[in-house]
Amino acid sequence: MYKLPKSCKLHKNKSFQALYRGGKSFANRQLVLYVLPNKRQERRVGFAAGKKLGDAVTRNRVKRMLREAYRMSQHKLISGVDLIIVGRKSIISEKTATVSAALNHLYGRAGIIVE
């Protein structure tokens, strides 16, 4: 099974802001993906769901779906990048499989899939 260790997550606001400012964004109807190369040999990821999505229960559900979709596809990605995955309003009514497909589409557009 694929795990998501704590050391591979972005936690600090400073890290998120640096990625929002300097990273390249890719979007579709359900998600926005921010990508920024880092100088490490590991891939770090952060998950975001803004208050426009709804109450805390809804935002937490969206973040759980994003984490699961990322966890199942992380083995296909290159290392040495920082990622932020942001959920949009239309993701609320979607299933995890649909979110996973949308995320894989963004990975392809970003060019971060290992050949």
Protein backbone atom coordinates (compact mmCIF):
# COMPACT_ATOMS: atom_id res chain seq x y z
CA MET A 1 0.00 0.00 0.00
CA TYR A 2 1.12 3.54 -0.67
CA LYS A 3 1.71 5.75 2.33
CA LEU A 4 1.86 9.51 2.75
CA PRO A 5 4.49 10.21 5.43
CA LYS A 6 4.39 13.39 7.45
CA SER A 7 7.77 14.51 6.09
CA CYS A 8 6.31 14.65 2.58
CA LYS A 9 3.56 17.14 3.46
CA LEU A 10 3.70 20.92 3.29
CA HIS A 11 2.56 22.45 6.57
CA LYS A 12 3.83 25.99 6.90
CA ASN A 13 2.03 29.00 5.47
CA LYS A 14 5.40 30.24 4.16
CA SER A 15 5.76 27.11 2.00
CA PHE A 16 2.24 27.47 0.63
CA GLN A 17 2.74 31.16 -0.20
CA ALA A 18 6.06 30.49 -1.96
CA LEU A 19 4.38 27.85 -4.10
CA TYR A 20 1.39 30.08 -4.92
CA ARG A 21 3.72 32.92 -5.97
CA GLY A 22 6.46 31.04 -7.78
CA GLY A 23 4.76 27.88 -8.93
CA LYS A 24 3.10 27.12 -12.21
CA SER A 25 -0.62 26.37 -12.04
CA PHE A 26 -2.71 23.91 -13.99
CA ALA A 27 -6.48 23.81 -13.62
CA ASN A 28 -9.54 21.91 -14.70
CA ARG A 29 -13.15 21.99 -13.56
CA GLN A 30 -12.57 20.19 -10.25
CA LEU A 31 -9.00 21.04 -9.22
CA VAL A 32 -6.08 23.43 -9.39
CA LEU A 33 -2.53 22.03 -9.23
CA TYR A 34 0.45 24.22 -8.36
CA VAL A 35 3.90 22.83 -9.18
CA LEU A 36 7.32 24.20 -8.20
CA PRO A 37 10.66 22.37 -8.50
CA ASN A 38 12.60 22.08 -5.24
CA LYS A 39 16.23 21.28 -4.45
CA ARG A 40 15.39 18.13 -2.51
CA GLN A 41 15.21 14.57 -3.69
CA GLU A 42 11.72 14.19 -2.30
CA ARG A 43 8.30 15.34 -3.39
CA ARG A 44 6.27 17.41 -0.94
CA VAL A 45 2.54 18.04 -1.23
CA GLY A 46 -0.07 20.28 0.38
CA PHE A 47 -3.85 20.15 0.16
CA ALA A 48 -6.18 23.14 0.28
CA ALA A 49 -9.91 23.72 0.36
CA GLY A 50 -11.06 27.32 0.72
CA LYS A 51 -13.97 28.60 2.75
CA LYS A 52 -15.98 29.17 -0.43
CA LEU A 53 -16.50 25.40 -0.60
CA GLY A 54 -18.71 25.34 2.47
CA ASP A 55 -18.57 24.49 6.15
CA ALA A 56 -15.75 22.65 7.90
CA VAL A 57 -17.31 19.24 7.32
CA THR A 58 -17.41 19.82 3.56
CA ARG A 59 -13.87 21.22 3.41
CA ASN A 60 -12.50 18.28 5.39
CA ARG A 61 -14.28 15.81 3.10
CA VAL A 62 -12.75 17.53 0.06
CA LYS A 63 -9.27 17.38 1.59
CA ARG A 64 -9.72 13.69 2.43
CA MET A 65 -10.68 12.98 -1.19
CA LEU A 66 -7.66 14.95 -2.44
CA ARG A 67 -5.31 13.09 -0.09
CA GLU A 68 -6.66 9.71 -1.18
CA ALA A 69 -6.47 10.56 -4.89
CA TYR A 70 -2.88 11.74 -4.45
CA ARG A 71 -1.90 8.75 -2.30
CA MET A 72 -3.07 6.27 -4.91
CA SER A 73 -1.16 7.96 -7.75
CA GLN A 74 1.98 9.27 -6.03
CA HIS A 75 4.12 6.37 -7.27
CA LYS A 76 3.71 7.66 -10.87
CA LEU A 77 5.17 11.12 -10.15
CA ILE A 78 8.69 12.48 -10.40
CA SER A 79 10.51 13.52 -7.23
CA GLY A 80 12.06 16.92 -6.57
CA VAL A 81 8.87 18.97 -6.84
CA ASP A 82 6.51 20.69 -4.43
CA LEU A 83 2.79 20.41 -5.16
CA ILE A 84 -0.37 22.03 -3.87
CA ILE A 85 -3.69 20.51 -4.82
CA VAL A 86 -6.69 22.83 -4.39
CA GLY A 87 -10.30 21.68 -4.59
CA ARG A 88 -12.89 23.73 -6.46
CA LYS A 89 -16.63 24.05 -5.84
CA SER A 90 -17.63 21.34 -8.34
CA ILE A 91 -15.62 18.71 -6.46
CA ILE A 92 -18.14 18.64 -3.60
CA SER A 93 -20.58 16.35 -5.40
CA GLU A 94 -17.92 14.14 -7.03
CA LYS A 95 -16.69 10.68 -6.05
CA THR A 96 -13.06 9.87 -5.30
CA ALA A 97 -12.62 8.03 -8.61
CA THR A 98 -13.63 11.15 -10.55
CA VAL A 99 -11.27 13.29 -8.47
CA SER A 100 -8.49 10.80 -9.12
CA ALA A 101 -9.07 10.96 -12.88
CA ALA A 102 -9.08 14.78 -12.80
CA LEU A 103 -5.85 14.80 -10.81
CA ASN A 104 -4.17 12.38 -13.23
CA HIS A 105 -5.20 14.67 -16.09
CA LEU A 106 -3.49 17.60 -14.37
CA TYR A 107 -0.35 15.53 -13.73
CA GLY A 108 -0.13 14.88 -17.46
CA ARG A 109 -0.57 18.55 -18.32
CA ALA A 110 2.08 19.51 -15.77
CA GLY A 111 4.52 16.94 -17.16
CA ILE A 112 5.37 15.42 -13.77
CA ILE A 113 4.54 11.80 -14.58
CA VAL A 114 7.47 9.36 -14.73
CA GLU A 115 7.75 7.78 -18.17
